[in-house]
Amino acid sequence: MKAASCTFKPTLKMAANARLGLRLREQFRRGGTEVGVRRACQLAERRELEPSDIKSMYSYFARHEVDKNTTRYRWGSTEDPSPGFVAWLLWGGEEGKEWVNRKRRKLS
């Protein structure tokens, strides 16, 4: 399937994850980069993504899967979140990863 026939609008769950990531980042002052914050804003607003965004997100999730192996913080905690978990949420969370994997296959 060609990119032109695909829709790349983030899901409601991805948007909710991004908003949670932004709140946790502000509250705990950790997690993510300015690139991640820009991506979170894009997802939170459910703006249509470009094929290059899909590829970038796919690469992010592949590189940062290891962040789940944290020992200082509990992955998934909203009371004391790991920096990696906050960043993961900024990029759409687990739902974002699954969505990107599906969309990337359609770009091939």
PDB file of N, CA and C in Angstrom:
ATOM      1  N   MET A   1       0.845  -1.186   0.000  1.00  0.00           N
ATOM      2  CA  MET A   1       0.000   0.000   0.000  1.00  0.00           C
ATOM      3  C   MET A   1       0.885   1.243   0.000  1.00  0.00           C
ATOM      4  N   LYS A   2       0.539   2.188  -0.761  1.00  0.00           N
ATOM      5  CA  LYS A   2       1.294   3.427  -0.858  1.00  0.00           C
ATOM      6  C   LYS A   2       0.927   4.382   0.274  1.00  0.00           C
ATOM      7  N   ALA A   3       1.882   5.208   0.670  1.00  0.00           N
ATOM      8  CA  ALA A   3       1.667   6.170   1.752  1.00  0.00           C
ATOM      9  C   ALA A   3       0.492   7.094   1.461  1.00  0.00           C
ATOM     10  N   ALA A   4       0.294   7.425   0.203  1.00  0.00           N
ATOM     11  CA  ALA A   4      -0.776   8.358  -0.165  1.00  0.00           C
ATOM     12  C   ALA A   4      -2.151   7.805   0.187  1.00  0.00           C
ATOM     13  N   SER A   5      -2.294   6.480   0.226  1.00  0.00           N
ATOM     14  CA  SER A   5      -3.590   5.887   0.533  1.00  0.00           C
ATOM     15  C   SER A   5      -3.742   5.555   2.016  1.00  0.00           C
ATOM     16  N   CYS A   6      -2.745   5.855   2.821  1.00  0.00           N
ATOM     17  CA  CYS A   6      -2.785   5.597   4.260  1.00  0.00           C
ATOM     18  C   CYS A   6      -3.141   6.873   5.011  1.00  0.00           C
ATOM     19  N   THR A   7      -3.799   6.681   6.137  1.00  0.00           N
ATOM     20  CA  THR A   7      -4.025   7.811   7.020  1.00  0.00           C
ATOM     21  C   THR A   7      -3.083   7.673   8.210  1.00  0.00           C
ATOM     22  N   PHE A   8      -2.499   8.759   8.609  1.00  0.00           N
ATOM     23  CA  PHE A   8      -1.528   8.749   9.688  1.00  0.00           C
ATOM     24  C   PHE A   8      -1.964   9.671  10.824  1.00  0.00           C
ATOM     25  N   LYS A   9      -3.246   9.624  11.161  1.00  0.00           N
ATOM     26  CA  LYS A   9      -3.758  10.435  12.260  1.00  0.00           C
ATOM     27  C   LYS A   9      -3.618   9.629  13.552  1.00  0.00           C
ATOM     28  N   PRO A  10      -2.941  10.179  14.556  1.00  0.00           N
ATOM     29  CA  PRO A  10      -2.768   9.458  15.826  1.00  0.00           C
ATOM     30  C   PRO A  10      -4.109   9.104  16.467  1.00  0.00           C
ATOM     31  N   THR A  11      -4.125   8.004  17.186  1.00  0.00           N
ATOM     32  CA  THR A  11      -5.343   7.554  17.853  1.00  0.00           C
ATOM     33  C   THR A  11      -5.611   8.385  19.117  1.00  0.00           C
ATOM     34  N   LEU A  12      -6.805   8.253  19.629  1.00  0.00           N
ATOM     35  CA  LEU A  12      -7.163   8.935  20.882  1.00  0.00           C
ATOM     36  C   LEU A  12      -6.274   8.468  22.032  1.00  0.00           C
ATOM     37  N   LYS A  13      -5.970   7.175  22.077  1.00  0.00           N
ATOM     38  CA  LYS A  13      -5.120   6.639  23.158  1.00  0.00           C
ATOM     39  C   LYS A  13      -3.698   7.178  23.053  1.00  0.00           C
ATOM     40  N   MET A  14      -3.176   7.282  21.852  1.00  0.00           N
ATOM     41  CA  MET A  14      -1.844   7.874  21.665  1.00  0.00           C
ATOM     42  C   MET A  14      -1.840   9.315  22.157  1.00  0.00           C
ATOM     43  N   ALA A  15      -2.897  10.056  21.829  1.00  0.00           N
ATOM     44  CA  ALA A  15      -3.005  11.450  22.262  1.00  0.00           C
ATOM     45  C   ALA A  15      -3.073  11.532  23.780  1.00  0.00           C
ATOM     46  N   ALA A  16      -3.834  10.638  24.395  1.00  0.00           N
ATOM     47  CA  ALA A  16      -3.940  10.629  25.859  1.00  0.00           C
ATOM     48  C   ALA A  16      -2.594  10.292  26.491  1.00  0.00           C
ATOM     49  N   ASN A  17      -1.880   9.333  25.918  1.00  0.00           N
ATOM     50  CA  ASN A  17      -0.549   8.985  26.434  1.00  0.00           C
ATOM     51  C   ASN A  17       0.404  10.172  26.341  1.00  0.00           C
ATOM     52  N   ALA A  18       0.364  10.872  25.223  1.00  0.00           N
ATOM     53  CA  ALA A  18       1.243  12.030  25.036  1.00  0.00           C
ATOM     54  C   ALA A  18       0.933  13.120  26.061  1.00  0.00           C
ATOM     55  N   ARG A  19      -0.340  13.365  26.289  1.00  0.00           N
ATOM     56  CA  ARG A  19      -0.726  14.379  27.291  1.00  0.00           C
ATOM     57  C   ARG A  19      -0.278  13.963  28.691  1.00  0.00           C
ATOM     58  N   LEU A  20      -0.421  12.677  29.016  1.00  0.00           N
ATOM     59  CA  LEU A  20       0.049  12.183  30.312  1.00  0.00           C
ATOM     60  C   LEU A  20       1.561  12.358  30.426  1.00  0.00           C
ATOM     61  N   GLY A  21       2.279  12.034  29.373  1.00  0.00           N
ATOM     62  CA  GLY A  21       3.730  12.214  29.373  1.00  0.00           C
ATOM     63  C   GLY A  21       4.122  13.660  29.606  1.00  0.00           C
ATOM     64  N   LEU A  22       3.418  14.576  28.975  1.00  0.00           N
ATOM     65  CA  LEU A  22       3.708  16.004  29.169  1.00  0.00           C
ATOM     66  C   LEU A  22       3.450  16.421  30.625  1.00  0.00           C
ATOM     67  N   ARG A  23       2.348  15.925  31.203  1.00  0.00           N
ATOM     68  CA  ARG A  23       2.042  16.262  32.602  1.00  0.00           C
ATOM     69  C   ARG A  23       3.092  15.695  33.548  1.00  0.00           C
ATOM     70  N   LEU A  24       3.472  14.432  33.338  1.00  0.00           N
ATOM     71  CA  LEU A  24       4.471  13.807  34.206  1.00  0.00           C
ATOM     72  C   LEU A  24       5.826  14.492  34.069  1.00  0.00           C
ATOM     73  N   ARG A  25       6.177  14.871  32.844  1.00  0.00           N
ATOM     74  CA  ARG A  25       7.453  15.560  32.624  1.00  0.00           C
ATOM     75  C   ARG A  25       7.477  16.882  33.381  1.00  0.00           C
ATOM     76  N   GLU A  26       6.368  17.604  33.334  1.00  0.00           N
ATOM     77  CA  GLU A  26       6.297  18.879  34.046  1.00  0.00           C
ATOM     78  C   GLU A  26       6.328  18.663  35.564  1.00  0.00           C
ATOM     79  N   GLN A  27       5.615  17.673  36.023  1.00  0.00           N
ATOM     80  CA  GLN A  27       5.526  17.419  37.461  1.00  0.00           C
ATOM     81  C   GLN A  27       6.837  16.918  38.050  1.00  0.00           C
ATOM     82  N   PHE A  28       7.507  15.972  37.378  1.00  0.00           N
ATOM     83  CA  PHE A  28       8.691  15.338  37.933  1.00  0.00           C
ATOM     84  C   PHE A  28      10.001  15.876  37.370  1.00  0.00           C
ATOM     85  N   ARG A  29       9.907  16.736  36.356  1.00  0.00           N
ATOM     86  CA  ARG A  29      11.098  17.358  35.760  1.00  0.00           C
ATOM     87  C   ARG A  29      12.110  16.324  35.237  1.00  0.00           C
ATOM     88  N   ARG A  30      11.569  15.296  34.599  1.00  0.00           N
ATOM     89  CA  ARG A  30      12.453  14.294  33.991  1.00  0.00           C
ATOM     90  C   ARG A  30      11.732  13.600  32.847  1.00  0.00           C
ATOM     91  N   GLY A  31      12.532  13.087  31.947  1.00  0.00           N
ATOM     92  CA  GLY A  31      12.014  12.304  30.841  1.00  0.00           C
ATOM     93  C   GLY A  31      11.830  13.100  29.563  1.00  0.00           C
ATOM     94  N   GLY A  32      12.345  12.559  28.496  1.00  0.00           N
ATOM     95  CA  GLY A  32      12.148  13.145  27.182  1.00  0.00           C
ATOM     96  C   GLY A  32      13.086  14.289  26.870  1.00  0.00           C
ATOM     97  N   THR A  33      13.085  14.627  25.612  1.00  0.00           N
ATOM     98  CA  THR A  33      13.895  15.721  25.082  1.00  0.00           C
ATOM     99  C   THR A  33      12.945  16.736  24.455  1.00  0.00           C
ATOM    100  N   GLU A  34      13.489  17.804  23.954  1.00  0.00           N
ATOM    101  CA  GLU A  34      12.647  18.779  23.260  1.00  0.00           C
ATOM    102  C   GLU A  34      12.015  18.155  22.011  1.00  0.00           C
ATOM    103  N   VAL A  35      12.722  17.241  21.371  1.00  0.00           N
ATOM    104  CA  VAL A  35      12.152  16.530  20.219  1.00  0.00           C
ATOM    105  C   VAL A  35      10.944  15.713  20.680  1.00  0.00           C
ATOM    106  N   GLY A  36      11.083  15.040  21.812  1.00  0.00           N
ATOM    107  CA  GLY A  36       9.976  14.264  22.364  1.00  0.00           C
ATOM    108  C   GLY A  36       8.794  15.136  22.740  1.00  0.00           C
ATOM    109  N   VAL A  37       9.076  16.313  23.279  1.00  0.00           N
ATOM    110  CA  VAL A  37       8.003  17.240  23.637  1.00  0.00           C
ATOM    111  C   VAL A  37       7.265  17.704  22.381  1.00  0.00           C
ATOM    112  N   ARG A  38       8.004  18.008  21.324  1.00  0.00           N
ATOM    113  CA  ARG A  38       7.356  18.407  20.069  1.00  0.00           C
ATOM    114  C   ARG A  38       6.499  17.272  19.506  1.00  0.00           C
ATOM    115  N   ARG A  39       7.020  16.048  19.591  1.00  0.00           N
ATOM    116  CA  ARG A  39       6.253  14.900  19.111  1.00  0.00           C
ATOM    117  C   ARG A  39       4.988  14.743  19.960  1.00  0.00           C
ATOM    118  N   ALA A  40       5.109  14.897  21.277  1.00  0.00           N
ATOM    119  CA  ALA A  40       3.945  14.768  22.163  1.00  0.00           C
ATOM    120  C   ALA A  40       2.883  15.806  21.818  1.00  0.00           C
ATOM    121  N   CYS A  41       3.297  17.012  21.549  1.00  0.00           N
ATOM    122  CA  CYS A  41       2.330  18.055  21.173  1.00  0.00           C
ATOM    123  C   CYS A  41       1.620  17.692  19.875  1.00  0.00           C
ATOM    124  N   GLN A  42       2.365  17.171  18.932  1.00  0.00           N
ATOM    125  CA  GLN A  42       1.802  16.735  17.646  1.00  0.00           C
ATOM    126  C   GLN A  42       0.775  15.615  17.870  1.00  0.00           C
ATOM    127  N   LEU A  43       1.128  14.648  18.714  1.00  0.00           N
ATOM    128  CA  LEU A  43       0.227  13.526  18.975  1.00  0.00           C
ATOM    129  C   LEU A  43      -0.987  13.968  19.782  1.00  0.00           C
ATOM    130  N   ALA A  44      -0.749  14.795  20.796  1.00  0.00           N
ATOM    131  CA  ALA A  44      -1.840  15.257  21.659  1.00  0.00           C
ATOM    132  C   ALA A  44      -2.896  16.011  20.862  1.00  0.00           C
ATOM    133  N   GLU A  45      -2.462  16.739  19.850  1.00  0.00           N
ATOM    134  CA  GLU A  45      -3.388  17.490  18.991  1.00  0.00           C
ATOM    135  C   GLU A  45      -3.961  16.632  17.866  1.00  0.00           C
ATOM    136  N   ARG A  46      -3.475  15.398  17.783  1.00  0.00           N
ATOM    137  CA  ARG A  46      -3.900  14.432  16.760  1.00  0.00           C
ATOM    138  C   ARG A  46      -3.707  14.977  15.348  1.00  0.00           C
ATOM    139  N   ARG A  47      -2.568  15.668  15.163  1.00  0.00           N
ATOM    140  CA  ARG A  47      -2.235  16.169  13.828  1.00  0.00           C
ATOM    141  C   ARG A  47      -1.782  15.017  12.945  1.00  0.00           C
ATOM    142  N   GLU A  48      -2.178  15.070  11.711  1.00  0.00           N
ATOM    143  CA  GLU A  48      -1.774  14.064  10.722  1.00  0.00           C
ATOM    144  C   GLU A  48      -0.253  14.004  10.655  1.00  0.00           C
ATOM    145  N   LEU A  49       0.281  12.785  10.666  1.00  0.00           N
ATOM    146  CA  LEU A  49       1.725  12.585  10.600  1.00  0.00           C
ATOM    147  C   LEU A  49       2.156  12.304   9.165  1.00  0.00           C
ATOM    148  N   GLU A  50       3.403  12.607   8.904  1.00  0.00           N
ATOM    149  CA  GLU A  50       4.006  12.339   7.602  1.00  0.00           C
ATOM    150  C   GLU A  50       4.679  10.963   7.641  1.00  0.00           C
ATOM    151  N   PRO A  51       4.922  10.348   6.470  1.00  0.00           N
ATOM    152  CA  PRO A  51       5.666   9.089   6.458  1.00  0.00           C
ATOM    153  C   PRO A  51       7.018   9.191   7.182  1.00  0.00           C
ATOM    154  N   SER A  52       7.674  10.335   7.085  1.00  0.00           N
ATOM    155  CA  SER A  52       8.966  10.500   7.788  1.00  0.00           C
ATOM    156  C   SER A  52       8.772  10.467   9.305  1.00  0.00           C
ATOM    157  N   ASP A  53       7.613  10.935   9.790  1.00  0.00           N
ATOM    158  CA  ASP A  53       7.313  10.864  11.227  1.00  0.00           C
ATOM    159  C   ASP A  53       7.154   9.409  11.666  1.00  0.00           C
ATOM    160  N   ILE A  54       6.491   8.618  10.829  1.00  0.00           N
ATOM    161  CA  ILE A  54       6.293   7.196  11.135  1.00  0.00           C
ATOM    162  C   ILE A  54       7.642   6.514  11.253  1.00  0.00           C
ATOM    163  N   LYS A  55       8.539   6.783  10.320  1.00  0.00           N
ATOM    164  CA  LYS A  55       9.872   6.175  10.348  1.00  0.00           C
ATOM    165  C   LYS A  55      10.660   6.631  11.571  1.00  0.00           C
ATOM    166  N   SER A  56      10.546   7.894  11.916  1.00  0.00           N
ATOM    167  CA  SER A  56      11.234   8.431  13.089  1.00  0.00           C
ATOM    168  C   SER A  56      10.706   7.788  14.370  1.00  0.00           C
ATOM    169  N   MET A  57       9.394   7.659  14.463  1.00  0.00           N
ATOM    170  CA  MET A  57       8.797   7.041  15.646  1.00  0.00           C
ATOM    171  C   MET A  57       9.182   5.567  15.744  1.00  0.00           C
ATOM    172  N   TYR A  58       9.198   4.882  14.621  1.00  0.00           N
ATOM    173  CA  TYR A  58       9.602   3.474  14.610  1.00  0.00           C
ATOM    174  C   TYR A  58      11.029   3.342  15.144  1.00  0.00           C
ATOM    175  N   SER A  59      11.909   4.217  14.691  1.00  0.00           N
ATOM    176  CA  SER A  59      13.305   4.188  15.156  1.00  0.00           C
ATOM    177  C   SER A  59      13.403   4.498  16.638  1.00  0.00           C
ATOM    178  N   TYR A  60      12.614   5.479  17.101  1.00  0.00           N
ATOM    179  CA  TYR A  60      12.628   5.817  18.531  1.00  0.00           C
ATOM    180  C   TYR A  60      12.279   4.583  19.363  1.00  0.00           C
ATOM    181  N   PHE A  61      11.157   3.948  19.042  1.00  0.00           N
ATOM    182  CA  PHE A  61      10.720   2.803  19.837  1.00  0.00           C
ATOM    183  C   PHE A  61      11.736   1.662  19.790  1.00  0.00           C
ATOM    184  N   ALA A  62      12.347   1.427  18.645  1.00  0.00           N
ATOM    185  CA  ALA A  62      13.364   0.373  18.540  1.00  0.00           C
ATOM    186  C   ALA A  62      14.575   0.680  19.422  1.00  0.00           C
ATOM    187  N   ARG A  63      15.006   1.923  19.434  1.00  0.00           N
ATOM    188  CA  ARG A  63      16.180   2.310  20.239  1.00  0.00           C
ATOM    189  C   ARG A  63      15.892   2.302  21.738  1.00  0.00           C
ATOM    190  N   HIS A  64      14.667   2.611  22.118  1.00  0.00           N
ATOM    191  CA  HIS A  64      14.375   2.844  23.527  1.00  0.00           C
ATOM    192  C   HIS A  64      13.613   1.718  24.218  1.00  0.00           C
ATOM    193  N   GLU A  65      13.453   0.605  23.562  1.00  0.00           N
ATOM    194  CA  GLU A  65      12.836  -0.560  24.204  1.00  0.00           C
ATOM    195  C   GLU A  65      13.610  -0.940  25.474  1.00  0.00           C
ATOM    196  N   VAL A  66      14.920  -0.762  25.451  1.00  0.00           N
ATOM    197  CA  VAL A  66      15.764  -1.110  26.607  1.00  0.00           C
ATOM    198  C   VAL A  66      15.466  -0.242  27.830  1.00  0.00           C
ATOM    199  N   ASP A  67      14.840   0.912  27.632  1.00  0.00           N
ATOM    200  CA  ASP A  67      14.516   1.789  28.763  1.00  0.00           C
ATOM    201  C   ASP A  67      13.560   1.123  29.746  1.00  0.00           C
ATOM    202  N   LYS A  68      12.872   0.099  29.297  1.00  0.00           N
ATOM    203  CA  LYS A  68      11.939  -0.616  30.173  1.00  0.00           C
ATOM    204  C   LYS A  68      12.668  -1.395  31.261  1.00  0.00           C
ATOM    205  N   ASN A  69      13.954  -1.593  31.103  1.00  0.00           N
ATOM    206  CA  ASN A  69      14.751  -2.365  32.056  1.00  0.00           C
ATOM    207  C   ASN A  69      15.269  -1.520  33.206  1.00  0.00           C
ATOM    208  N   THR A  70      14.564  -0.514  33.607  1.00  0.00           N
ATOM    209  CA  THR A  70      14.991   0.371  34.672  1.00  0.00           C
ATOM    210  C   THR A  70      15.001  -0.361  36.016  1.00  0.00           C
ATOM    211  N   THR A  71      15.930   0.000  36.869  1.00  0.00           N
ATOM    212  CA  THR A  71      15.977  -0.590  38.204  1.00  0.00           C
ATOM    213  C   THR A  71      15.704   0.446  39.289  1.00  0.00           C
ATOM    214  N   ARG A  72      15.888   1.715  38.985  1.00  0.00           N
ATOM    215  CA  ARG A  72      15.673   2.753  39.988  1.00  0.00           C
ATOM    216  C   ARG A  72      14.202   3.115  40.128  1.00  0.00           C
ATOM    217  N   TYR A  73      13.483   3.083  39.036  1.00  0.00           N
ATOM    218  CA  TYR A  73      12.068   3.463  39.023  1.00  0.00           C
ATOM    219  C   TYR A  73      11.243   2.281  38.539  1.00  0.00           C
ATOM    220  N   ARG A  74       9.948   2.348  38.782  1.00  0.00           N
ATOM    221  CA  ARG A  74       9.049   1.330  38.239  1.00  0.00           C
ATOM    222  C   ARG A  74       8.520   1.805  36.890  1.00  0.00           C
ATOM    223  N   TRP A  75       8.721   0.993  35.894  1.00  0.00           N
ATOM    224  CA  TRP A  75       8.175   1.309  34.574  1.00  0.00           C
ATOM    225  C   TRP A  75       6.663   1.328  34.692  1.00  0.00           C
ATOM    226  N   GLY A  76       6.036   2.349  34.177  1.00  0.00           N
ATOM    227  CA  GLY A  76       4.591   2.446  34.188  1.00  0.00           C
ATOM    228  C   GLY A  76       4.028   3.202  35.379  1.00  0.00           C
ATOM    229  N   SER A  77       4.879   3.593  36.315  1.00  0.00           N
ATOM    230  CA  SER A  77       4.410   4.319  37.498  1.00  0.00           C
ATOM    231  C   SER A  77       4.113   5.776  37.157  1.00  0.00           C
ATOM    232  N   THR A  78       2.993   6.269  37.683  1.00  0.00           N
ATOM    233  CA  THR A  78       2.711   7.698  37.547  1.00  0.00           C
ATOM    234  C   THR A  78       3.001   8.423  38.862  1.00  0.00           C
ATOM    235  N   GLU A  79       3.420   7.669  39.885  1.00  0.00           N
ATOM    236  CA  GLU A  79       3.775   8.263  41.178  1.00  0.00           C
ATOM    237  C   GLU A  79       5.262   8.549  41.288  1.00  0.00           C
ATOM    238  N   ASP A  80       6.075   7.780  40.593  1.00  0.00           N
ATOM    239  CA  ASP A  80       7.527   7.992  40.552  1.00  0.00           C
ATOM    240  C   ASP A  80       8.046   7.433  39.226  1.00  0.00           C
ATOM    241  N   PRO A  81       7.646   8.064  38.120  1.00  0.00           N
ATOM    242  CA  PRO A  81       7.945   7.486  36.800  1.00  0.00           C
ATOM    243  C   PRO A  81       9.423   7.576  36.432  1.00  0.00           C
ATOM    244  N   SER A  82       9.856   6.554  35.725  1.00  0.00           N
ATOM    245  CA  SER A  82      11.221   6.599  35.194  1.00  0.00           C
ATOM    246  C   SER A  82      11.277   7.622  34.070  1.00  0.00           C
ATOM    247  N   PRO A  83      12.435   8.236  33.864  1.00  0.00           N
ATOM    248  CA  PRO A  83      12.575   9.157  32.736  1.00  0.00           C
ATOM    249  C   PRO A  83      12.229   8.482  31.400  1.00  0.00           C
ATOM    250  N   GLY A  84      12.614   7.205  31.279  1.00  0.00           N
ATOM    251  CA  GLY A  84      12.320   6.478  30.048  1.00  0.00           C
ATOM    252  C   GLY A  84      10.832   6.282  29.826  1.00  0.00           C
ATOM    253  N   PHE A  85      10.091   6.024  30.901  1.00  0.00           N
ATOM    254  CA  PHE A  85       8.642   5.853  30.780  1.00  0.00           C
ATOM    255  C   PHE A  85       7.988   7.160  30.358  1.00  0.00           C
ATOM    256  N   VAL A  86       8.417   8.259  30.948  1.00  0.00           N
ATOM    257  CA  VAL A  86       7.866   9.567  30.572  1.00  0.00           C
ATOM    258  C   VAL A  86       8.126   9.816  29.087  1.00  0.00           C
ATOM    259  N   ALA A  87       9.356   9.575  28.656  1.00  0.00           N
ATOM    260  CA  ALA A  87       9.699   9.779  27.247  1.00  0.00           C
ATOM    261  C   ALA A  87       8.871   8.868  26.345  1.00  0.00           C
ATOM    262  N   TRP A  88       8.695   7.618  26.759  1.00  0.00           N
ATOM    263  CA  TRP A  88       7.916   6.640  25.983  1.00  0.00           C
ATOM    264  C   TRP A  88       6.493   7.157  25.766  1.00  0.00           C
ATOM    265  N   LEU A  89       5.911   7.720  26.827  1.00  0.00           N
ATOM    266  CA  LEU A  89       4.569   8.282  26.721  1.00  0.00           C
ATOM    267  C   LEU A  89       4.534   9.460  25.751  1.00  0.00           C
ATOM    268  N   LEU A  90       5.580  10.278  25.774  1.00  0.00           N
ATOM    269  CA  LEU A  90       5.634  11.433  24.870  1.00  0.00           C
ATOM    270  C   LEU A  90       5.523  11.002  23.410  1.00  0.00           C
ATOM    271  N   TRP A  91       6.017   9.812  23.126  1.00  0.00           N
ATOM    272  CA  TRP A  91       5.990   9.285  21.758  1.00  0.00           C
ATOM    273  C   TRP A  91       4.753   8.432  21.486  1.00  0.00           C
ATOM    274  N   GLY A  92       3.786   8.433  22.406  1.00  0.00           N
ATOM    275  CA  GLY A  92       2.525   7.730  22.179  1.00  0.00           C
ATOM    276  C   GLY A  92       2.349   6.467  22.997  1.00  0.00           C
ATOM    277  N   GLY A  93       3.369   6.103  23.769  1.00  0.00           N
ATOM    278  CA  GLY A  93       3.259   4.926  24.625  1.00  0.00           C
ATOM    279  C   GLY A  93       3.205   3.629  23.841  1.00  0.00           C
ATOM    280  N   GLU A  94       2.804   2.596  24.541  1.00  0.00           N
ATOM    281  CA  GLU A  94       2.740   1.256  23.941  1.00  0.00           C
ATOM    282  C   GLU A  94       1.800   1.244  22.735  1.00  0.00           C
ATOM    283  N   GLU A  95       0.703   1.966  22.846  1.00  0.00           N
ATOM    284  CA  GLU A  95      -0.238   2.052  21.715  1.00  0.00           C
ATOM    285  C   GLU A  95       0.422   2.733  20.524  1.00  0.00           C
ATOM    286  N   GLY A  96       1.249   3.739  20.785  1.00  0.00           N
ATOM    287  CA  GLY A  96       1.976   4.403  19.713  1.00  0.00           C
ATOM    288  C   GLY A  96       2.924   3.456  19.010  1.00  0.00           C
ATOM    289  N   LYS A  97       3.613   2.640  19.802  1.00  0.00           N
ATOM    290  CA  LYS A  97       4.556   1.673  19.218  1.00  0.00           C
ATOM    291  C   LYS A  97       3.817   0.689  18.318  1.00  0.00           C
ATOM    292  N   GLU A  98       2.710   0.134  18.814  1.00  0.00           N
ATOM    293  CA  GLU A  98       1.949  -0.838  18.028  1.00  0.00           C
ATOM    294  C   GLU A  98       1.382  -0.197  16.755  1.00  0.00           C
ATOM    295  N   TRP A  99       0.865   1.025  16.898  1.00  0.00           N
ATOM    296  CA  TRP A  99       0.294   1.746  15.757  1.00  0.00           C
ATOM    297  C   TRP A  99       1.361   2.017  14.696  1.00  0.00           C
ATOM    298  N   VAL A 100       2.518   2.480  15.144  1.00  0.00           N
ATOM    299  CA  VAL A 100       3.617   2.789  14.224  1.00  0.00           C
ATOM    300  C   VAL A 100       4.083   1.527  13.508  1.00  0.00           C
ATOM    301  N   ASN A 101       4.154   0.418  14.226  1.00  0.00           N
ATOM    302  CA  ASN A 101       4.558  -0.830  13.578  1.00  0.00           C
ATOM    303  C   ASN A 101       3.593  -1.198  12.454  1.00  0.00           C
ATOM    304  N   ARG A 102       2.295  -1.035  12.702  1.00  0.00           N
ATOM    305  CA  ARG A 102       1.308  -1.342  11.651  1.00  0.00           C
ATOM    306  C   ARG A 102       1.443  -0.379  10.473  1.00  0.00           C
ATOM    307  N   LYS A 103       1.579   0.906  10.759  1.00  0.00           N
ATOM    308  CA  LYS A 103       1.661   1.910   9.690  1.00  0.00           C
ATOM    309  C   LYS A 103       2.942   1.752   8.881  1.00  0.00           C
ATOM    310  N   ARG A 104       4.035   1.431   9.561  1.00  0.00           N
ATOM    311  CA  ARG A 104       5.320   1.283   8.855  1.00  0.00           C
ATOM    312  C   ARG A 104       5.249   0.143   7.838  1.00  0.00           C
ATOM    313  N   ARG A 105       4.590  -0.937   8.208  1.00  0.00           N
ATOM    314  CA  ARG A 105       4.448  -2.059   7.263  1.00  0.00           C
ATOM    315  C   ARG A 105       3.699  -1.610   6.007  1.00  0.00           C
ATOM    316  N   LYS A 106       2.752  -0.713   6.154  1.00  0.00           N
ATOM    317  CA  LYS A 106       1.995  -0.224   4.997  1.00  0.00           C
ATOM    318  C   LYS A 106       2.837   0.687   4.108  1.00  0.00           C
ATOM    319  N   LEU A 107       3.898   1.253   4.657  1.00  0.00           N
ATOM    320  CA  LEU A 107       4.775   2.115   3.851  1.00  0.00           C
ATOM    321  C   LEU A 107       5.730   1.312   2.974  1.00  0.00           C
ATOM    322  N   SER A 108       5.924   0.049   3.315  1.00  0.00           N
ATOM    323  CA  SER A 108       6.883  -0.781   2.580  1.00  0.00           C
ATOM    324  C   SER A 108       6.408  -1.130   1.205  1.00  0.00           C
TER     325      SER A 108
END
